[in-house]
Amino acid sequence: MRQALEDRRISQDYFRWLCDKVMIEQDTDSASSYMFLADRMYRIRFNDNVPNDRNRAADGVQLRHDFLQEYATNYEQLEVADLLYSGANVLEVLIGLAQRADFEWNLGVMNWFGKFLQNLKLNCYADSEIEPGDINRIGRILSKFNERRYVPSGRGGLFPLKGREWEDQRSTELWYQLSHYIEENRR
């Protein structure tokens, strides 16, 4: 019987590679490690039902190609194929979006990722701070983001807006949400 992708060595190595891109600290006993949260995001398939959010999913999947350019020879062909042909997950999309955001406004990919956690109100869930009841809260927050159940201004999502009226952010592709967010906050 085939092993689930998330339990395979390639998936574990790829997960650590992704975390290296957005986290300085990966010791789960540290007050600044978010490995549990990253693992939760890694296990949730990204919902790309809003038109053009497939582009953000593609950015996430591109990370797999980047990883495999360097490490593909370390794995069996079947493992590589399984990694390549599954849908994008929330962690990949957020990292890809942080890279795009950094290109638009050079704050650093790690800082953008941290800003996303802050905007989603997930920054208080460092590994050393998580309590049993937090697991369900984290799941609800990620589901609210992924299913676009935040408020029209974007509060509860990645890009809360505070100024002038924008279109309903729940039906706006993430790229435009990012653009509006940068426009508001760069001033």
N, C-alpha and C. Protein backbone atom coordinates (compact mmCIF):
# COMPACT_ATOMS: atom_id res chain seq x y z
N MET A 1 0.84 -1.18 0.00
CA MET A 1 0.00 0.00 0.00
C MET A 1 0.89 1.24 0.00
N ARG A 2 0.49 2.24 -0.78
CA ARG A 2 1.28 3.48 -0.86
C ARG A 2 1.09 4.33 0.38
N GLN A 3 2.13 4.94 0.79
CA GLN A 3 2.15 5.81 1.95
C GLN A 3 1.54 7.16 1.57
N ALA A 4 0.80 7.78 2.49
CA ALA A 4 0.23 9.11 2.24
C ALA A 4 1.36 10.10 1.94
N LEU A 5 1.11 11.00 1.00
CA LEU A 5 2.15 11.94 0.57
C LEU A 5 2.73 12.72 1.75
N GLU A 6 1.88 13.22 2.66
CA GLU A 6 2.40 14.04 3.75
C GLU A 6 3.28 13.27 4.73
N ASP A 7 3.24 11.94 4.67
CA ASP A 7 4.07 11.12 5.54
C ASP A 7 5.36 10.65 4.86
N ARG A 8 5.52 10.99 3.61
CA ARG A 8 6.69 10.53 2.87
C ARG A 8 7.86 11.48 3.08
N ARG A 9 9.05 10.94 2.90
CA ARG A 9 10.27 11.73 3.12
C ARG A 9 10.31 12.98 2.24
N ILE A 10 9.92 12.87 0.98
CA ILE A 10 9.97 14.04 0.10
C ILE A 10 9.07 15.16 0.62
N SER A 11 7.91 14.79 1.12
CA SER A 11 6.99 15.79 1.64
C SER A 11 7.54 16.45 2.91
N GLN A 12 8.13 15.65 3.76
CA GLN A 12 8.72 16.19 4.99
C GLN A 12 9.90 17.10 4.67
N ASP A 13 10.73 16.70 3.74
CA ASP A 13 11.87 17.53 3.35
C ASP A 13 11.40 18.83 2.69
N TYR A 14 10.40 18.71 1.84
CA TYR A 14 9.85 19.89 1.16
C TYR A 14 9.22 20.85 2.17
N PHE A 15 8.51 20.30 3.15
CA PHE A 15 7.91 21.12 4.20
C PHE A 15 8.99 21.91 4.94
N ARG A 16 10.07 21.27 5.32
CA ARG A 16 11.17 21.96 6.02
C ARG A 16 11.78 23.03 5.11
N TRP A 17 11.92 22.73 3.83
CA TRP A 17 12.45 23.69 2.86
C TRP A 17 11.54 24.91 2.79
N LEU A 18 10.23 24.69 2.77
CA LEU A 18 9.28 25.82 2.76
C LEU A 18 9.43 26.65 4.03
N CYS A 19 9.50 25.98 5.16
CA CYS A 19 9.63 26.69 6.44
C CYS A 19 10.90 27.51 6.50
N ASP A 20 11.97 27.02 5.90
CA ASP A 20 13.23 27.78 5.86
C ASP A 20 13.04 29.12 5.15
N LYS A 21 12.10 29.21 4.25
CA LYS A 21 11.86 30.44 3.50
C LYS A 21 11.17 31.52 4.33
N VAL A 22 10.40 31.11 5.35
CA VAL A 22 9.58 32.09 6.07
C VAL A 22 9.77 32.10 7.58
N MET A 23 10.59 31.21 8.10
CA MET A 23 10.78 31.15 9.55
C MET A 23 12.25 31.06 9.89
N ILE A 24 12.67 31.93 10.77
CA ILE A 24 14.04 31.88 11.26
C ILE A 24 14.16 30.75 12.28
N GLU A 25 13.18 30.66 13.16
CA GLU A 25 13.21 29.70 14.26
C GLU A 25 12.29 28.52 13.96
N GLN A 26 12.83 27.30 14.06
CA GLN A 26 12.02 26.12 13.81
C GLN A 26 12.10 25.13 14.97
N ASP A 27 12.59 25.58 16.10
CA ASP A 27 12.62 24.75 17.31
C ASP A 27 11.27 24.91 17.98
N THR A 28 10.49 23.85 18.05
CA THR A 28 9.12 23.95 18.55
C THR A 28 9.03 24.38 20.01
N ASP A 29 10.13 24.37 20.74
CA ASP A 29 10.13 24.86 22.12
C ASP A 29 10.38 26.36 22.20
N SER A 30 10.69 26.96 21.08
CA SER A 30 11.00 28.39 21.04
C SER A 30 9.71 29.22 21.02
N ALA A 31 9.79 30.40 21.60
CA ALA A 31 8.65 31.32 21.61
C ALA A 31 8.39 31.92 20.23
N SER A 32 9.31 31.73 19.29
CA SER A 32 9.12 32.32 17.96
C SER A 32 9.03 31.27 16.86
N SER A 33 8.70 30.04 17.22
CA SER A 33 8.53 28.98 16.22
C SER A 33 7.04 28.80 15.93
N TYR A 34 6.74 28.64 14.66
CA TYR A 34 5.36 28.45 14.21
C TYR A 34 5.23 27.16 13.39
N MET A 35 5.97 26.15 13.75
CA MET A 35 5.97 24.90 12.98
C MET A 35 4.61 24.20 13.01
N PHE A 36 3.94 24.21 14.15
CA PHE A 36 2.61 23.58 14.23
C PHE A 36 1.65 24.28 13.28
N LEU A 37 1.66 25.59 13.32
CA LEU A 37 0.79 26.38 12.45
C LEU A 37 1.14 26.14 10.98
N ALA A 38 2.42 26.11 10.65
CA ALA A 38 2.85 25.84 9.27
C ALA A 38 2.39 24.46 8.83
N ASP A 39 2.47 23.48 9.72
CA ASP A 39 2.02 22.13 9.41
C ASP A 39 0.52 22.12 9.10
N ARG A 40 -0.25 22.85 9.88
CA ARG A 40 -1.71 22.93 9.63
C ARG A 40 -1.98 23.54 8.26
N MET A 41 -1.25 24.60 7.91
CA MET A 41 -1.45 25.25 6.62
C MET A 41 -1.02 24.32 5.48
N TYR A 42 0.01 23.53 5.73
CA TYR A 42 0.54 22.61 4.73
C TYR A 42 -0.47 21.50 4.41
N ARG A 43 -1.30 21.17 5.36
CA ARG A 43 -2.25 20.07 5.19
C ARG A 43 -3.61 20.52 4.64
N ILE A 44 -3.78 21.82 4.41
CA ILE A 44 -5.06 22.33 3.91
C ILE A 44 -4.90 22.73 2.45
N ARG A 45 -5.69 22.12 1.61
CA ARG A 45 -5.66 22.47 0.18
C ARG A 45 -6.22 23.87 -0.01
N PHE A 46 -5.54 24.69 -0.80
CA PHE A 46 -5.96 26.06 -1.06
C PHE A 46 -7.20 26.07 -1.94
N ASN A 47 -8.17 26.87 -1.54
CA ASN A 47 -9.41 27.03 -2.29
C ASN A 47 -9.22 28.17 -3.29
N ASP A 48 -9.15 27.83 -4.56
CA ASP A 48 -8.91 28.85 -5.59
C ASP A 48 -10.17 29.13 -6.42
N ASN A 49 -11.32 29.17 -5.74
CA ASN A 49 -12.59 29.37 -6.45
C ASN A 49 -12.82 30.79 -6.93
N VAL A 50 -12.12 31.76 -6.39
CA VAL A 50 -12.26 33.13 -6.87
C VAL A 50 -11.47 33.24 -8.18
N PRO A 51 -12.08 33.82 -9.21
CA PRO A 51 -11.38 33.92 -10.49
C PRO A 51 -9.97 34.50 -10.34
N ASN A 52 -9.05 33.90 -11.01
CA ASN A 52 -7.63 34.26 -11.07
C ASN A 52 -6.83 33.89 -9.82
N ASP A 53 -7.46 33.39 -8.78
CA ASP A 53 -6.67 32.90 -7.65
C ASP A 53 -5.95 31.61 -8.01
N ARG A 54 -6.29 31.03 -9.15
CA ARG A 54 -5.52 29.88 -9.63
C ARG A 54 -4.07 30.29 -9.89
N ASN A 55 -3.89 31.57 -10.19
CA ASN A 55 -2.52 32.08 -10.38
C ASN A 55 -1.74 32.02 -9.07
N ARG A 56 -2.38 32.29 -7.95
CA ARG A 56 -1.72 32.19 -6.66
C ARG A 56 -1.42 30.74 -6.33
N ALA A 57 -2.36 29.85 -6.69
CA ALA A 57 -2.11 28.42 -6.50
C ALA A 57 -0.92 27.99 -7.35
N ALA A 58 -0.83 28.51 -8.56
CA ALA A 58 0.30 28.19 -9.45
C ALA A 58 1.61 28.69 -8.86
N ASP A 59 1.58 29.85 -8.20
CA ASP A 59 2.79 30.34 -7.52
C ASP A 59 3.22 29.35 -6.44
N GLY A 60 2.25 28.82 -5.72
CA GLY A 60 2.55 27.84 -4.69
C GLY A 60 3.15 26.57 -5.27
N VAL A 61 2.56 26.08 -6.35
CA VAL A 61 3.07 24.87 -7.00
C VAL A 61 4.45 25.12 -7.60
N GLN A 62 4.72 26.33 -8.03
CA GLN A 62 6.04 26.66 -8.57
C GLN A 62 7.14 26.42 -7.53
N LEU A 63 6.80 26.61 -6.26
CA LEU A 63 7.76 26.34 -5.20
C LEU A 63 8.22 24.88 -5.25
N ARG A 64 7.33 23.98 -5.61
CA ARG A 64 7.70 22.56 -5.71
C ARG A 64 8.74 22.36 -6.81
N HIS A 65 8.53 23.04 -7.92
CA HIS A 65 9.49 22.94 -9.02
C HIS A 65 10.85 23.50 -8.60
N ASP A 66 10.82 24.61 -7.86
CA ASP A 66 12.07 25.19 -7.36
C ASP A 66 12.80 24.21 -6.45
N PHE A 67 12.06 23.58 -5.55
CA PHE A 67 12.63 22.58 -4.65
C PHE A 67 13.22 21.41 -5.43
N LEU A 68 12.45 20.93 -6.41
CA LEU A 68 12.88 19.75 -7.16
C LEU A 68 14.05 20.03 -8.09
N GLN A 69 14.19 21.26 -8.55
CA GLN A 69 15.36 21.60 -9.37
C GLN A 69 16.63 21.28 -8.62
N GLU A 70 16.59 21.48 -7.33
CA GLU A 70 17.77 21.27 -6.51
C GLU A 70 17.88 19.85 -5.94
N TYR A 71 16.71 19.23 -5.63
CA TYR A 71 16.75 17.99 -4.86
C TYR A 71 16.09 16.77 -5.50
N ALA A 72 15.59 16.86 -6.71
CA ALA A 72 14.81 15.76 -7.32
C ALA A 72 15.57 14.44 -7.35
N THR A 73 16.87 14.49 -7.54
CA THR A 73 17.64 13.24 -7.65
C THR A 73 17.71 12.48 -6.34
N ASN A 74 17.28 13.09 -5.24
CA ASN A 74 17.31 12.42 -3.94
C ASN A 74 16.10 11.52 -3.71
N TYR A 75 15.14 11.52 -4.65
CA TYR A 75 13.87 10.83 -4.41
C TYR A 75 13.51 9.93 -5.58
N GLU A 76 12.64 8.97 -5.31
CA GLU A 76 12.12 8.09 -6.34
C GLU A 76 11.17 8.88 -7.25
N GLN A 77 11.07 8.45 -8.49
CA GLN A 77 10.21 9.12 -9.48
C GLN A 77 8.77 9.22 -9.00
N LEU A 78 8.27 8.18 -8.37
CA LEU A 78 6.89 8.17 -7.90
C LEU A 78 6.65 9.25 -6.85
N GLU A 79 7.61 9.42 -5.96
CA GLU A 79 7.49 10.47 -4.94
C GLU A 79 7.47 11.85 -5.60
N VAL A 80 8.34 12.06 -6.55
CA VAL A 80 8.40 13.34 -7.25
C VAL A 80 7.09 13.61 -7.96
N ALA A 81 6.55 12.61 -8.64
CA ALA A 81 5.28 12.77 -9.35
C ALA A 81 4.15 13.09 -8.37
N ASP A 82 4.09 12.41 -7.23
CA ASP A 82 3.05 12.67 -6.24
C ASP A 82 3.13 14.10 -5.72
N LEU A 83 4.33 14.56 -5.49
CA LEU A 83 4.50 15.93 -5.00
C LEU A 83 4.05 16.94 -6.06
N LEU A 84 4.41 16.69 -7.28
CA LEU A 84 4.10 17.66 -8.34
C LEU A 84 2.62 17.76 -8.67
N TYR A 85 1.90 16.67 -8.56
CA TYR A 85 0.55 16.66 -9.11
C TYR A 85 -0.57 16.75 -8.07
N SER A 86 -0.26 17.15 -6.88
CA SER A 86 -1.33 17.43 -5.92
C SER A 86 -1.60 18.93 -5.94
N GLY A 87 -2.79 19.33 -5.46
CA GLY A 87 -3.15 20.75 -5.47
C GLY A 87 -2.33 21.56 -4.49
N ALA A 88 -2.29 22.85 -4.72
CA ALA A 88 -1.54 23.77 -3.84
C ALA A 88 -2.18 23.80 -2.46
N ASN A 89 -1.34 23.95 -1.45
CA ASN A 89 -1.86 24.08 -0.09
C ASN A 89 -1.72 25.53 0.38
N VAL A 90 -2.34 25.82 1.51
CA VAL A 90 -2.37 27.19 2.03
C VAL A 90 -0.96 27.71 2.32
N LEU A 91 -0.09 26.88 2.89
CA LEU A 91 1.26 27.33 3.20
C LEU A 91 2.00 27.74 1.92
N GLU A 92 1.91 26.93 0.89
CA GLU A 92 2.58 27.26 -0.37
C GLU A 92 2.06 28.57 -0.94
N VAL A 93 0.76 28.74 -0.91
CA VAL A 93 0.16 29.96 -1.47
C VAL A 93 0.61 31.19 -0.68
N LEU A 94 0.65 31.09 0.64
CA LEU A 94 1.08 32.23 1.44
C LEU A 94 2.55 32.55 1.21
N ILE A 95 3.39 31.54 1.04
CA ILE A 95 4.80 31.80 0.75
C ILE A 95 4.95 32.41 -0.63
N GLY A 96 4.26 31.86 -1.61
CA GLY A 96 4.30 32.43 -2.96
C GLY A 96 3.81 33.87 -2.97
N LEU A 97 2.76 34.14 -2.22
CA LEU A 97 2.21 35.49 -2.14
C LEU A 97 3.18 36.43 -1.41
N ALA A 98 3.85 35.93 -0.38
CA ALA A 98 4.84 36.73 0.33
C ALA A 98 6.00 37.10 -0.61
N GLN A 99 6.38 36.18 -1.47
CA GLN A 99 7.44 36.47 -2.44
C GLN A 99 6.98 37.55 -3.43
N ARG A 100 5.75 37.42 -3.91
CA ARG A 100 5.20 38.44 -4.82
C ARG A 100 5.09 39.79 -4.13
N ALA A 101 4.61 39.77 -2.88
CA ALA A 101 4.45 41.01 -2.12
C ALA A 101 5.81 41.68 -1.93
N ASP A 102 6.82 40.88 -1.65
CA ASP A 102 8.15 41.44 -1.44
C ASP A 102 8.70 42.06 -2.71
N PHE A 103 8.34 41.53 -3.85
CA PHE A 103 8.75 42.12 -5.12
C PHE A 103 8.10 43.50 -5.30
N GLU A 104 6.85 43.64 -4.84
CA GLU A 104 6.12 44.90 -4.97
C GLU A 104 6.56 45.93 -3.93
N TRP A 105 6.85 45.44 -2.71
CA TRP A 105 7.24 46.32 -1.62
C TRP A 105 8.26 45.56 -0.79
N ASN A 106 9.50 45.88 -0.95
CA ASN A 106 10.61 45.13 -0.38
C ASN A 106 10.66 45.25 1.14
N LEU A 107 9.95 44.34 1.80
CA LEU A 107 9.97 44.27 3.26
C LEU A 107 10.63 42.98 3.75
N GLY A 108 10.91 42.08 2.82
CA GLY A 108 11.45 40.76 3.16
C GLY A 108 10.34 39.72 3.18
N VAL A 109 10.60 38.56 2.60
CA VAL A 109 9.59 37.50 2.52
C VAL A 109 9.15 37.06 3.91
N MET A 110 10.11 36.92 4.83
CA MET A 110 9.75 36.52 6.20
C MET A 110 8.84 37.57 6.86
N ASN A 111 9.14 38.84 6.63
CA ASN A 111 8.31 39.90 7.21
C ASN A 111 6.90 39.89 6.63
N TRP A 112 6.80 39.67 5.32
CA TRP A 112 5.47 39.58 4.71
C TRP A 112 4.70 38.40 5.28
N PHE A 113 5.35 37.26 5.40
CA PHE A 113 4.68 36.09 5.96
C PHE A 113 4.23 36.38 7.39
N GLY A 114 5.08 37.03 8.16
CA GLY A 114 4.71 37.42 9.53
C GLY A 114 3.52 38.38 9.54
N LYS A 115 3.48 39.28 8.57
CA LYS A 115 2.36 40.22 8.45
C LYS A 115 1.08 39.45 8.13
N PHE A 116 1.18 38.44 7.28
CA PHE A 116 0.00 37.62 6.98
C PHE A 116 -0.52 36.94 8.24
N LEU A 117 0.39 36.37 9.03
CA LEU A 117 -0.02 35.72 10.28
C LEU A 117 -0.67 36.73 11.22
N GLN A 118 -0.09 37.91 11.29
CA GLN A 118 -0.65 38.97 12.13
C GLN A 118 -2.04 39.37 11.65
N ASN A 119 -2.20 39.58 10.35
CA ASN A 119 -3.50 39.99 9.81
C ASN A 119 -4.56 38.92 9.99
N LEU A 120 -4.15 37.66 9.96
CA LEU A 120 -5.09 36.56 10.18
C LEU A 120 -5.32 36.32 11.67
N LYS A 121 -4.59 37.04 12.51
CA LYS A 121 -4.64 36.87 13.97
C LYS A 121 -4.14 35.47 14.39
N LEU A 122 -3.13 35.00 13.67
CA LEU A 122 -2.51 33.71 13.98
C LEU A 122 -1.16 33.87 14.65
N ASN A 123 -0.66 35.09 14.74
CA ASN A 123 0.67 35.32 15.29
C ASN A 123 0.76 35.00 16.78
N CYS A 124 -0.35 34.84 17.46
CA CYS A 124 -0.33 34.51 18.89
C CYS A 124 -0.24 33.00 19.12
N TYR A 125 -0.15 32.23 18.04
CA TYR A 125 -0.12 30.77 18.15
C TYR A 125 1.26 30.19 17.88
N ALA A 126 2.27 30.77 18.50
CA ALA A 126 3.61 30.19 18.43
C ALA A 126 3.56 28.81 19.09
N ASP A 127 4.44 27.94 18.68
CA ASP A 127 4.43 26.56 19.18
C ASP A 127 4.41 26.48 20.70
N SER A 128 5.19 27.31 21.36
CA SER A 128 5.29 27.24 22.82
C SER A 128 4.05 27.79 23.52
N GLU A 129 3.16 28.45 22.77
CA GLU A 129 1.97 29.08 23.36
C GLU A 129 0.68 28.31 23.10
N ILE A 130 0.71 27.33 22.22
CA ILE A 130 -0.52 26.63 21.82
C ILE A 130 -1.02 25.75 22.95
N GLU A 131 -2.31 25.89 23.20
CA GLU A 131 -3.01 25.06 24.18
C GLU A 131 -3.99 24.18 23.43
N PRO A 132 -4.50 23.12 24.06
CA PRO A 132 -5.39 22.19 23.35
C PRO A 132 -6.58 22.87 22.63
N GLY A 133 -7.21 23.84 23.23
CA GLY A 133 -8.35 24.51 22.61
C GLY A 133 -7.98 25.36 21.42
N ASP A 134 -6.72 25.70 21.31
CA ASP A 134 -6.26 26.55 20.20
C ASP A 134 -6.30 25.83 18.85
N ILE A 135 -6.19 24.52 18.88
CA ILE A 135 -6.15 23.76 17.63
C ILE A 135 -7.43 24.00 16.83
N ASN A 136 -8.58 23.98 17.49
CA ASN A 136 -9.84 24.25 16.79
C ASN A 136 -9.93 25.71 16.34
N ARG A 137 -9.44 26.64 17.17
CA ARG A 137 -9.46 28.06 16.79
C ARG A 137 -8.61 28.30 15.55
N ILE A 138 -7.44 27.68 15.51
CA ILE A 138 -6.57 27.80 14.34
C ILE A 138 -7.28 27.27 13.11
N GLY A 139 -7.91 26.12 13.24
CA GLY A 139 -8.64 25.54 12.12
C GLY A 139 -9.75 26.45 11.63
N ARG A 140 -10.47 27.09 12.55
CA ARG A 140 -11.55 28.01 12.16
C ARG A 140 -11.00 29.24 11.45
N ILE A 141 -9.89 29.77 11.93
CA ILE A 141 -9.29 30.96 11.30
C ILE A 141 -8.83 30.62 9.88
N LEU A 142 -8.15 29.49 9.73
CA LEU A 142 -7.68 29.10 8.40
C LEU A 142 -8.84 28.81 7.46
N SER A 143 -9.88 28.21 7.98
CA SER A 143 -11.06 27.93 7.17
C SER A 143 -11.75 29.24 6.75
N LYS A 144 -11.84 30.18 7.67
CA LYS A 144 -12.45 31.49 7.38
C LYS A 144 -11.70 32.19 6.25
N PHE A 145 -10.37 32.14 6.30
CA PHE A 145 -9.56 32.72 5.23
C PHE A 145 -9.76 31.95 3.92
N ASN A 146 -9.61 30.65 3.97
CA ASN A 146 -9.62 29.82 2.78
C ASN A 146 -10.99 29.78 2.09
N GLU A 147 -12.04 29.95 2.86
CA GLU A 147 -13.39 29.92 2.30
C GLU A 147 -13.96 31.33 2.12
N ARG A 148 -13.12 32.35 2.34
CA ARG A 148 -13.50 33.75 2.11
C ARG A 148 -14.72 34.17 2.95
N ARG A 149 -14.72 33.79 4.23
CA ARG A 149 -15.81 34.16 5.11
C ARG A 149 -15.45 35.34 6.01
N TYR A 150 -14.51 36.16 5.57
CA TYR A 150 -14.16 37.35 6.33
C TYR A 150 -15.07 38.50 5.91
N VAL A 151 -14.90 39.65 6.53
CA VAL A 151 -15.78 40.78 6.25
C VAL A 151 -15.40 41.42 4.91
N PRO A 152 -16.31 42.16 4.28
CA PRO A 152 -16.04 42.75 2.96
C PRO A 152 -14.78 43.62 2.89
N SER A 153 -14.41 44.25 4.00
CA SER A 153 -13.20 45.10 4.00
C SER A 153 -11.92 44.28 4.05
N GLY A 154 -12.05 42.96 4.17
CA GLY A 154 -10.88 42.09 4.24
C GLY A 154 -10.46 41.75 5.66
N ARG A 155 -11.07 42.37 6.66
CA ARG A 155 -10.73 42.04 8.05
C ARG A 155 -11.07 40.58 8.31
N GLY A 156 -10.10 39.85 8.85
CA GLY A 156 -10.23 38.42 9.03
C GLY A 156 -9.51 37.64 7.93
N GLY A 157 -9.03 38.37 6.91
CA GLY A 157 -8.28 37.77 5.82
C GLY A 157 -6.84 38.25 5.86
N LEU A 158 -6.14 38.07 4.76
CA LEU A 158 -4.73 38.46 4.69
C LEU A 158 -4.54 39.96 4.61
N PHE A 159 -5.49 40.64 3.98
CA PHE A 159 -5.29 42.05 3.64
C PHE A 159 -6.44 42.93 4.12
N PRO A 160 -6.53 43.19 5.42
CA PRO A 160 -7.60 44.05 5.92
C PRO A 160 -7.37 45.50 5.47
N LEU A 161 -8.42 46.10 4.97
CA LEU A 161 -8.34 47.47 4.49
C LEU A 161 -9.07 48.38 5.47
N LYS A 162 -8.59 49.59 5.60
CA LYS A 162 -9.18 50.50 6.59
C LYS A 162 -9.65 51.81 5.99
N GLY A 163 -9.15 52.17 4.85
CA GLY A 163 -9.42 53.49 4.28
C GLY A 163 -10.64 53.53 3.40
N ARG A 164 -10.45 54.07 2.23
CA ARG A 164 -11.55 54.27 1.31
C ARG A 164 -12.25 52.95 0.96
N GLU A 165 -13.38 53.09 0.40
CA GLU A 165 -14.17 51.90 0.04
C GLU A 165 -13.57 51.19 -1.17
N TRP A 166 -13.35 49.93 -1.01
CA TRP A 166 -12.90 49.07 -2.09
C TRP A 166 -14.04 48.09 -2.39
N GLU A 167 -13.89 47.31 -3.45
CA GLU A 167 -14.88 46.27 -3.71
C GLU A 167 -14.81 45.23 -2.59
N ASP A 168 -15.83 44.41 -2.53
CA ASP A 168 -15.92 43.35 -1.52
C ASP A 168 -14.69 42.44 -1.68
N GLN A 169 -13.84 42.40 -0.67
CA GLN A 169 -12.60 41.64 -0.73
C GLN A 169 -12.82 40.13 -0.77
N ARG A 170 -13.98 39.69 -0.35
CA ARG A 170 -14.27 38.25 -0.36
C ARG A 170 -14.37 37.69 -1.77
N SER A 171 -14.70 38.55 -2.73
CA SER A 171 -14.80 38.09 -4.12
C SER A 171 -13.72 38.71 -5.01
N THR A 172 -12.71 39.29 -4.37
CA THR A 172 -11.60 39.92 -5.10
C THR A 172 -10.41 38.98 -5.04
N GLU A 173 -9.77 38.76 -6.18
CA GLU A 173 -8.62 37.87 -6.19
C GLU A 173 -7.53 38.40 -5.26
N LEU A 174 -6.75 37.49 -4.72
CA LEU A 174 -5.73 37.85 -3.74
C LEU A 174 -4.72 38.85 -4.28
N TRP A 175 -4.40 38.78 -5.56
CA TRP A 175 -3.44 39.73 -6.13
C TRP A 175 -3.95 41.16 -6.00
N TYR A 176 -5.23 41.38 -6.29
CA TYR A 176 -5.78 42.73 -6.17
C TYR A 176 -5.94 43.13 -4.71
N GLN A 177 -6.26 42.18 -3.85
CA GLN A 177 -6.30 42.49 -2.42
C GLN A 177 -4.93 42.98 -1.95
N LEU A 178 -3.89 42.28 -2.37
CA LEU A 178 -2.53 42.69 -2.03
C LEU A 178 -2.25 44.09 -2.55
N SER A 179 -2.62 44.35 -3.78
CA SER A 179 -2.37 45.67 -4.38
C SER A 179 -3.08 46.77 -3.59
N HIS A 180 -4.31 46.55 -3.21
CA HIS A 180 -5.07 47.53 -2.42
C HIS A 180 -4.40 47.74 -1.06
N TYR A 181 -3.97 46.63 -0.46
CA TYR A 181 -3.33 46.68 0.85
C TYR A 181 -2.04 47.50 0.79
N ILE A 182 -1.23 47.25 -0.23
CA ILE A 182 0.02 47.99 -0.38
C ILE A 182 -0.28 49.47 -0.62
N GLU A 183 -1.25 49.75 -1.47
CA GLU A 183 -1.60 51.14 -1.77
C GLU A 183 -2.01 51.89 -0.50
N GLU A 184 -2.77 51.23 0.36
CA GLU A 184 -3.20 51.86 1.60
C GLU A 184 -2.07 52.04 2.61
N ASN A 185 -1.20 51.08 2.69
CA ASN A 185 -0.20 51.06 3.77
C ASN A 185 1.15 51.63 3.39
N ARG A 186 1.40 51.84 2.14
CA ARG A 186 2.71 52.32 1.71
C ARG A 186 2.84 53.84 1.92
N ARG A 187 1.76 54.52 2.04
CA ARG A 187 1.78 56.00 2.14
C ARG A 187 2.52 56.48 3.35
